[in-house]
């Protein structure tokens, strides 16, 4: 087995783990394909989309068995998503690779910043809650 086959399998495992948790496997899979496997961004997006089909079916079945799937809410998301997907796929095929790569990079950076800020706020709130039990450390926003 060649190294590239092993890397493709590892990329699939990482994407599957992320997708199974509902975190969007492509967020990890596309950078892995483009950075480590020298796959073009457009081809990586296509690979991600086709791999998403079986991943989503398996995840949906498991979440449905655990009574976590609300079909009505999912359809309210899926129908407009499918419609805009057609338009964005049309755009992606015609857009220069550089525009797509930079757009995806900006998306990942913004996502990382948002996640860091939300974790920092959660950590601050947790710390304030713990320290509020001690009279020497009143919560700054407490009356």
N, C-alpha and C. Protein backbone atom coordinates (compact mmCIF):
# COMPACT_ATOMS: atom_id res chain seq x y z
N UNK A 1 0.86 -1.18 0.00
CA UNK A 1 0.00 0.00 0.00
C UNK A 1 0.90 1.24 0.00
N UNK A 2 0.64 2.17 -0.89
CA UNK A 2 1.47 3.37 -0.98
C UNK A 2 1.11 4.36 0.11
N UNK A 3 2.02 5.31 0.31
CA UNK A 3 1.79 6.32 1.35
C UNK A 3 0.54 7.14 1.06
N UNK A 4 0.30 7.48 -0.22
CA UNK A 4 -0.86 8.32 -0.53
C UNK A 4 -2.16 7.59 -0.20
N UNK A 5 -2.22 6.28 -0.41
CA UNK A 5 -3.43 5.53 -0.07
C UNK A 5 -3.67 5.59 1.44
N UNK A 6 -2.59 5.46 2.20
CA UNK A 6 -2.71 5.54 3.66
C UNK A 6 -3.21 6.92 4.08
N UNK A 7 -2.67 7.97 3.44
CA UNK A 7 -3.11 9.33 3.77
C UNK A 7 -4.57 9.56 3.39
N UNK A 8 -5.02 8.98 2.27
CA UNK A 8 -6.43 9.09 1.90
C UNK A 8 -7.31 8.41 2.94
N UNK A 9 -6.88 7.25 3.40
CA UNK A 9 -7.64 6.52 4.42
C UNK A 9 -7.68 7.32 5.72
N UNK A 10 -6.53 7.90 6.11
CA UNK A 10 -6.50 8.73 7.33
C UNK A 10 -7.39 9.96 7.18
N UNK A 11 -7.38 10.57 6.00
CA UNK A 11 -8.25 11.73 5.75
C UNK A 11 -9.71 11.31 5.87
N UNK A 12 -10.04 10.14 5.34
CA UNK A 12 -11.42 9.63 5.45
C UNK A 12 -11.81 9.36 6.89
N UNK A 13 -10.90 8.80 7.65
CA UNK A 13 -11.19 8.54 9.07
C UNK A 13 -11.41 9.85 9.83
N UNK A 14 -10.54 10.82 9.59
CA UNK A 14 -10.69 12.12 10.28
C UNK A 14 -11.99 12.80 9.87
N UNK A 15 -12.29 12.79 8.57
CA UNK A 15 -13.54 13.39 8.10
C UNK A 15 -14.75 12.66 8.66
N UNK A 16 -14.65 11.34 8.75
CA UNK A 16 -15.76 10.54 9.30
C UNK A 16 -16.00 10.83 10.77
N UNK A 17 -14.93 11.00 11.52
CA UNK A 17 -15.07 11.32 12.95
C UNK A 17 -15.77 12.67 13.10
N UNK A 18 -15.28 13.66 12.35
CA UNK A 18 -15.88 15.00 12.43
C UNK A 18 -17.33 14.97 11.94
N UNK A 19 -17.58 14.30 10.81
CA UNK A 19 -18.93 14.23 10.26
C UNK A 19 -19.88 13.49 11.17
N UNK A 20 -19.42 12.44 11.81
CA UNK A 20 -20.26 11.65 12.71
C UNK A 20 -20.69 12.44 13.93
N UNK A 21 -19.86 13.38 14.32
CA UNK A 21 -20.21 14.23 15.46
C UNK A 21 -21.02 15.43 15.02
N UNK A 22 -21.24 15.56 13.71
CA UNK A 22 -22.02 16.68 13.21
C UNK A 22 -21.22 17.96 13.11
N UNK A 23 -19.92 17.85 13.07
CA UNK A 23 -19.06 19.04 13.07
C UNK A 23 -18.63 19.45 11.66
N UNK A 24 -19.07 18.75 10.68
CA UNK A 24 -18.69 19.11 9.31
C UNK A 24 -17.35 18.53 8.95
N UNK A 25 -17.36 17.31 8.46
CA UNK A 25 -16.12 16.63 8.13
C UNK A 25 -15.28 17.36 7.10
N UNK A 26 -15.92 18.13 6.21
CA UNK A 26 -15.19 18.84 5.17
C UNK A 26 -14.29 19.93 5.71
N UNK A 27 -14.61 20.44 6.89
CA UNK A 27 -13.78 21.47 7.50
C UNK A 27 -12.38 20.93 7.74
N UNK A 28 -12.26 19.65 8.00
CA UNK A 28 -10.97 19.01 8.19
C UNK A 28 -10.51 18.28 6.94
N UNK A 29 -11.45 17.64 6.25
CA UNK A 29 -11.10 16.81 5.09
C UNK A 29 -10.53 17.62 3.93
N UNK A 30 -11.12 18.75 3.62
CA UNK A 30 -10.66 19.55 2.48
C UNK A 30 -9.23 20.06 2.70
N UNK A 31 -8.90 20.64 3.86
CA UNK A 31 -7.50 21.02 4.06
C UNK A 31 -6.53 19.83 4.01
N UNK A 32 -6.95 18.69 4.54
CA UNK A 32 -6.08 17.51 4.49
C UNK A 32 -5.80 17.10 3.05
N UNK A 33 -6.83 17.11 2.23
CA UNK A 33 -6.65 16.72 0.83
C UNK A 33 -5.79 17.72 0.07
N UNK A 34 -6.01 19.00 0.30
CA UNK A 34 -5.29 20.01 -0.46
C UNK A 34 -3.85 20.20 0.03
N UNK A 35 -3.64 20.14 1.32
CA UNK A 35 -2.30 20.39 1.87
C UNK A 35 -1.41 19.15 1.80
N UNK A 36 -1.94 18.01 2.23
CA UNK A 36 -1.10 16.82 2.35
C UNK A 36 -1.14 15.90 1.13
N UNK A 37 -2.20 15.96 0.35
CA UNK A 37 -2.33 15.02 -0.77
C UNK A 37 -2.30 15.70 -2.13
N UNK A 38 -2.02 16.98 -2.16
CA UNK A 38 -1.86 17.74 -3.40
C UNK A 38 -3.07 17.58 -4.33
N UNK A 39 -4.27 17.64 -3.74
CA UNK A 39 -5.51 17.59 -4.51
C UNK A 39 -5.97 19.03 -4.71
N UNK A 40 -6.47 19.36 -5.88
CA UNK A 40 -6.95 20.73 -6.11
C UNK A 40 -8.16 21.01 -5.22
N UNK A 41 -8.39 22.27 -4.94
CA UNK A 41 -9.51 22.66 -4.09
C UNK A 41 -10.85 22.21 -4.64
N UNK A 42 -11.03 22.35 -5.95
CA UNK A 42 -12.30 21.94 -6.57
C UNK A 42 -12.48 20.43 -6.47
N UNK A 43 -11.41 19.70 -6.71
CA UNK A 43 -11.50 18.24 -6.61
C UNK A 43 -11.71 17.81 -5.16
N UNK A 44 -11.06 18.50 -4.21
CA UNK A 44 -11.25 18.19 -2.79
C UNK A 44 -12.70 18.42 -2.38
N UNK A 45 -13.30 19.51 -2.87
CA UNK A 45 -14.71 19.79 -2.56
C UNK A 45 -15.60 18.69 -3.11
N UNK A 46 -15.32 18.25 -4.33
CA UNK A 46 -16.12 17.18 -4.94
C UNK A 46 -15.96 15.86 -4.17
N UNK A 47 -14.73 15.54 -3.78
CA UNK A 47 -14.49 14.32 -2.99
C UNK A 47 -15.23 14.42 -1.67
N UNK A 48 -15.17 15.58 -1.03
CA UNK A 48 -15.86 15.79 0.23
C UNK A 48 -17.36 15.57 0.06
N UNK A 49 -17.92 16.11 -1.01
CA UNK A 49 -19.36 15.98 -1.22
C UNK A 49 -19.78 14.53 -1.41
N UNK A 50 -19.03 13.78 -2.21
CA UNK A 50 -19.42 12.39 -2.46
C UNK A 50 -19.19 11.54 -1.20
N UNK A 51 -18.17 11.86 -0.41
CA UNK A 51 -17.96 11.09 0.81
C UNK A 51 -18.98 11.46 1.88
N UNK A 52 -19.57 12.64 1.74
CA UNK A 52 -20.56 13.09 2.72
C UNK A 52 -21.85 12.27 2.65
N UNK A 53 -22.18 11.75 1.47
CA UNK A 53 -23.44 11.01 1.32
C UNK A 53 -23.50 9.80 2.25
N UNK A 54 -22.55 8.85 2.17
CA UNK A 54 -22.66 7.71 3.09
C UNK A 54 -22.45 8.11 4.55
N UNK A 55 -21.57 9.11 4.80
CA UNK A 55 -21.36 9.54 6.20
C UNK A 55 -22.65 10.08 6.79
N UNK A 56 -23.36 10.90 6.03
CA UNK A 56 -24.58 11.51 6.57
C UNK A 56 -25.69 10.48 6.76
N UNK A 57 -25.76 9.51 5.86
CA UNK A 57 -26.79 8.46 6.02
C UNK A 57 -26.55 7.68 7.30
N UNK A 58 -25.31 7.25 7.51
CA UNK A 58 -24.99 6.48 8.72
C UNK A 58 -25.24 7.31 9.98
N UNK A 59 -24.78 8.57 9.97
CA UNK A 59 -24.98 9.43 11.14
C UNK A 59 -26.46 9.68 11.40
N UNK A 60 -27.24 9.91 10.35
CA UNK A 60 -28.68 10.15 10.52
C UNK A 60 -29.38 8.93 11.11
N UNK A 61 -29.03 7.74 10.65
CA UNK A 61 -29.65 6.52 11.18
C UNK A 61 -29.34 6.38 12.67
N UNK A 62 -28.08 6.61 13.03
CA UNK A 62 -27.70 6.49 14.44
C UNK A 62 -28.39 7.56 15.29
N UNK A 63 -28.42 8.79 14.81
CA UNK A 63 -29.07 9.86 15.58
C UNK A 63 -30.58 9.65 15.65
N UNK A 64 -31.18 9.09 14.60
CA UNK A 64 -32.61 8.80 14.62
C UNK A 64 -32.92 7.71 15.64
N UNK A 65 -32.06 6.68 15.71
CA UNK A 65 -32.26 5.62 16.70
C UNK A 65 -32.16 6.16 18.12
N UNK A 66 -31.35 7.18 18.32
CA UNK A 66 -31.20 7.79 19.64
C UNK A 66 -32.22 8.91 19.88
N UNK A 67 -33.18 9.03 18.96
CA UNK A 67 -34.25 10.02 19.04
C UNK A 67 -33.72 11.46 19.12
N UNK A 68 -32.66 11.72 18.38
CA UNK A 68 -32.07 13.06 18.33
C UNK A 68 -32.38 13.78 17.03
N UNK A 69 -33.05 13.11 16.11
CA UNK A 69 -33.29 13.68 14.79
C UNK A 69 -34.72 14.22 14.72
N UNK A 70 -34.84 15.51 14.46
CA UNK A 70 -36.13 16.16 14.25
C UNK A 70 -36.28 16.37 12.75
N UNK A 71 -37.04 15.52 12.10
CA UNK A 71 -37.15 15.52 10.64
C UNK A 71 -37.72 16.84 10.12
N UNK A 72 -38.72 17.39 10.80
CA UNK A 72 -39.31 18.66 10.34
C UNK A 72 -38.26 19.78 10.31
N UNK A 73 -37.50 19.92 11.39
CA UNK A 73 -36.47 20.95 11.44
C UNK A 73 -35.37 20.67 10.42
N UNK A 74 -35.03 19.40 10.26
CA UNK A 74 -33.99 19.04 9.29
C UNK A 74 -34.42 19.39 7.87
N UNK A 75 -35.69 19.16 7.55
CA UNK A 75 -36.19 19.50 6.21
C UNK A 75 -36.23 21.00 5.99
N UNK A 76 -36.53 21.76 7.07
CA UNK A 76 -36.54 23.23 6.93
C UNK A 76 -35.13 23.75 6.61
N UNK A 77 -34.12 23.01 6.99
CA UNK A 77 -32.74 23.38 6.67
C UNK A 77 -32.34 22.79 5.33
N UNK A 78 -32.70 21.52 5.10
CA UNK A 78 -32.22 20.80 3.91
C UNK A 78 -32.79 21.35 2.60
N UNK A 79 -34.03 21.77 2.59
CA UNK A 79 -34.64 22.23 1.34
C UNK A 79 -33.97 23.52 0.83
N UNK A 80 -33.87 24.57 1.64
CA UNK A 80 -33.16 25.76 1.13
C UNK A 80 -31.66 25.49 0.91
N UNK A 81 -31.07 24.61 1.71
CA UNK A 81 -29.66 24.29 1.51
C UNK A 81 -29.43 23.61 0.17
N UNK A 82 -30.32 22.70 -0.20
CA UNK A 82 -30.19 22.03 -1.50
C UNK A 82 -30.35 23.01 -2.65
N UNK A 83 -31.25 23.96 -2.49
CA UNK A 83 -31.47 24.95 -3.55
C UNK A 83 -30.24 25.84 -3.72
N UNK A 84 -29.70 26.34 -2.61
CA UNK A 84 -28.52 27.20 -2.73
C UNK A 84 -27.27 26.41 -3.10
N UNK A 85 -27.27 25.14 -2.80
CA UNK A 85 -26.15 24.27 -3.17
C UNK A 85 -25.97 24.22 -4.68
N UNK A 86 -27.07 24.15 -5.39
CA UNK A 86 -26.99 24.12 -6.86
C UNK A 86 -26.34 25.39 -7.39
N UNK A 87 -26.77 26.52 -6.87
CA UNK A 87 -26.21 27.80 -7.32
C UNK A 87 -24.73 27.91 -6.95
N UNK A 88 -24.37 27.53 -5.74
CA UNK A 88 -22.97 27.66 -5.34
C UNK A 88 -22.08 26.66 -6.07
N UNK A 89 -22.59 25.49 -6.40
CA UNK A 89 -21.81 24.53 -7.20
C UNK A 89 -21.54 25.08 -8.58
N UNK A 90 -22.54 25.73 -9.15
CA UNK A 90 -22.38 26.36 -10.47
C UNK A 90 -21.29 27.43 -10.39
N UNK A 91 -21.32 28.25 -9.31
CA UNK A 91 -20.31 29.28 -9.13
C UNK A 91 -18.93 28.67 -8.92
N UNK A 92 -18.84 27.65 -8.09
CA UNK A 92 -17.54 27.04 -7.75
C UNK A 92 -16.84 26.46 -8.98
N UNK A 93 -17.60 25.93 -9.91
CA UNK A 93 -16.99 25.37 -11.12
C UNK A 93 -16.41 26.45 -12.03
N UNK A 94 -16.93 27.65 -11.92
CA UNK A 94 -16.48 28.74 -12.79
C UNK A 94 -15.51 29.70 -12.11
N UNK A 95 -15.43 29.65 -10.79
CA UNK A 95 -14.55 30.56 -10.05
C UNK A 95 -13.11 30.09 -10.15
N UNK A 96 -12.18 31.03 -10.15
CA UNK A 96 -10.76 30.64 -10.14
C UNK A 96 -10.41 29.90 -8.86
N UNK A 97 -9.51 28.95 -8.96
CA UNK A 97 -9.10 28.14 -7.81
C UNK A 97 -8.58 29.03 -6.67
N UNK A 98 -7.86 30.08 -7.01
CA UNK A 98 -7.30 30.97 -6.00
C UNK A 98 -8.39 31.64 -5.16
N UNK A 99 -9.47 32.04 -5.80
CA UNK A 99 -10.59 32.67 -5.08
C UNK A 99 -11.22 31.68 -4.11
N UNK A 100 -11.43 30.46 -4.57
CA UNK A 100 -12.02 29.44 -3.70
C UNK A 100 -11.11 29.11 -2.52
N UNK A 101 -9.82 28.97 -2.79
CA UNK A 101 -8.87 28.65 -1.72
C UNK A 101 -8.81 29.76 -0.68
N UNK A 102 -8.73 30.99 -1.13
CA UNK A 102 -8.67 32.12 -0.19
C UNK A 102 -9.98 32.26 0.58
N UNK A 103 -11.09 32.06 -0.10
CA UNK A 103 -12.39 32.13 0.57
C UNK A 103 -12.52 31.08 1.65
N UNK A 104 -12.07 29.85 1.36
CA UNK A 104 -12.14 28.78 2.35
C UNK A 104 -11.19 29.06 3.51
N UNK A 105 -10.01 29.59 3.21
CA UNK A 105 -9.06 29.94 4.27
C UNK A 105 -9.64 31.01 5.18
N UNK A 106 -10.26 32.02 4.60
CA UNK A 106 -10.88 33.09 5.41
C UNK A 106 -11.99 32.50 6.27
N UNK A 107 -12.79 31.62 5.69
CA UNK A 107 -13.86 30.96 6.44
C UNK A 107 -13.29 30.22 7.65
N UNK A 108 -12.21 29.45 7.45
CA UNK A 108 -11.63 28.69 8.55
C UNK A 108 -11.05 29.61 9.63
N UNK A 109 -10.43 30.71 9.22
CA UNK A 109 -9.87 31.66 10.19
C UNK A 109 -10.98 32.30 11.01
N UNK A 110 -12.04 32.75 10.35
CA UNK A 110 -13.17 33.36 11.06
C UNK A 110 -13.80 32.35 12.01
N UNK A 111 -13.97 31.12 11.55
CA UNK A 111 -14.53 30.07 12.40
C UNK A 111 -13.65 29.83 13.62
N UNK A 112 -12.34 29.78 13.43
CA UNK A 112 -11.42 29.58 14.55
C UNK A 112 -11.50 30.72 15.55
N UNK A 113 -11.56 31.96 15.06
CA UNK A 113 -11.64 33.12 15.95
C UNK A 113 -12.94 33.08 16.76
N UNK A 114 -14.04 32.78 16.09
CA UNK A 114 -15.33 32.70 16.79
C UNK A 114 -15.30 31.62 17.86
N UNK A 115 -14.74 30.46 17.53
CA UNK A 115 -14.66 29.37 18.50
C UNK A 115 -13.76 29.74 19.68
N UNK A 116 -12.63 30.39 19.41
CA UNK A 116 -11.74 30.82 20.50
C UNK A 116 -12.42 31.83 21.41
N UNK A 117 -13.10 32.79 20.83
CA UNK A 117 -13.79 33.80 21.64
C UNK A 117 -14.89 33.15 22.48
N UNK A 118 -15.68 32.25 21.88
CA UNK A 118 -16.76 31.62 22.64
C UNK A 118 -16.21 30.76 23.77
N UNK A 119 -15.08 30.08 23.54
CA UNK A 119 -14.47 29.28 24.60
C UNK A 119 -13.91 30.18 25.71
N UNK A 120 -13.32 31.31 25.33
CA UNK A 120 -12.78 32.24 26.33
C UNK A 120 -13.90 32.81 27.18
N UNK A 121 -15.02 33.18 26.56
CA UNK A 121 -16.16 33.71 27.31
C UNK A 121 -16.72 32.63 28.24
N UNK A 122 -16.83 31.40 27.75
CA UNK A 122 -17.34 30.31 28.59
C UNK A 122 -16.39 30.04 29.76
N UNK A 123 -15.09 30.07 29.52
CA UNK A 123 -14.12 29.85 30.59
C UNK A 123 -14.18 30.97 31.61
N UNK A 124 -14.31 32.21 31.14
CA UNK A 124 -14.42 33.36 32.04
C UNK A 124 -15.67 33.24 32.92
N UNK A 125 -16.80 32.92 32.30
CA UNK A 125 -18.05 32.78 33.06
C UNK A 125 -17.96 31.66 34.08
N UNK A 126 -17.33 30.56 33.70
CA UNK A 126 -17.17 29.43 34.62
C UNK A 126 -16.27 29.81 35.79
N UNK A 127 -15.19 30.52 35.49
CA UNK A 127 -14.29 30.94 36.55
C UNK A 127 -14.98 31.92 37.49
N UNK A 128 -15.71 32.87 36.93
CA UNK A 128 -16.44 33.83 37.77
C UNK A 128 -17.45 33.14 38.65
N UNK A 129 -18.11 32.13 38.12
CA UNK A 129 -19.11 31.39 38.89
C UNK A 129 -18.44 30.66 40.06
N UNK A 130 -17.28 30.07 39.81
CA UNK A 130 -16.57 29.37 40.88
C UNK A 130 -16.04 30.34 41.92
N UNK A 131 -15.50 31.47 41.47
CA UNK A 131 -14.93 32.43 42.41
C UNK A 131 -15.99 33.19 43.19
N UNK A 132 -17.21 33.24 42.67
CA UNK A 132 -18.29 33.96 43.36
C UNK A 132 -18.63 33.31 44.70
N UNK A 133 -18.27 32.05 44.86
CA UNK A 133 -18.54 31.36 46.12
C UNK A 133 -17.64 31.87 47.24
N UNK A 134 -16.56 32.56 46.88
CA UNK A 134 -15.64 33.10 47.88
C UNK A 134 -15.85 34.59 48.01
N UNK A 135 -16.02 35.09 49.24
CA UNK A 135 -16.32 36.52 49.42
C UNK A 135 -15.19 37.45 48.95
N UNK A 136 -13.97 36.98 48.87
CA UNK A 136 -12.87 37.82 48.43
C UNK A 136 -12.89 38.07 46.92
N UNK A 137 -13.65 37.26 46.21
CA UNK A 137 -13.69 37.35 44.75
C UNK A 137 -15.12 37.56 44.25
N UNK A 138 -15.68 38.75 44.47
CA UNK A 138 -17.06 38.95 43.97
C UNK A 138 -17.06 39.04 42.44
N UNK A 139 -18.13 38.59 41.86
CA UNK A 139 -18.26 38.65 40.40
C UNK A 139 -18.35 40.12 39.99
N UNK A 140 -17.60 40.54 38.96
CA UNK A 140 -17.58 41.95 38.58
C UNK A 140 -18.95 42.52 38.22
N UNK A 141 -19.81 41.71 37.63
CA UNK A 141 -21.12 42.22 37.22
C UNK A 141 -22.21 42.01 38.28
N UNK A 142 -21.83 41.48 39.45
CA UNK A 142 -22.82 41.25 40.52
C UNK A 142 -23.15 42.56 41.21
N UNK A 143 -24.37 42.67 41.67
CA UNK A 143 -24.83 43.90 42.35
C UNK A 143 -24.40 43.89 43.79
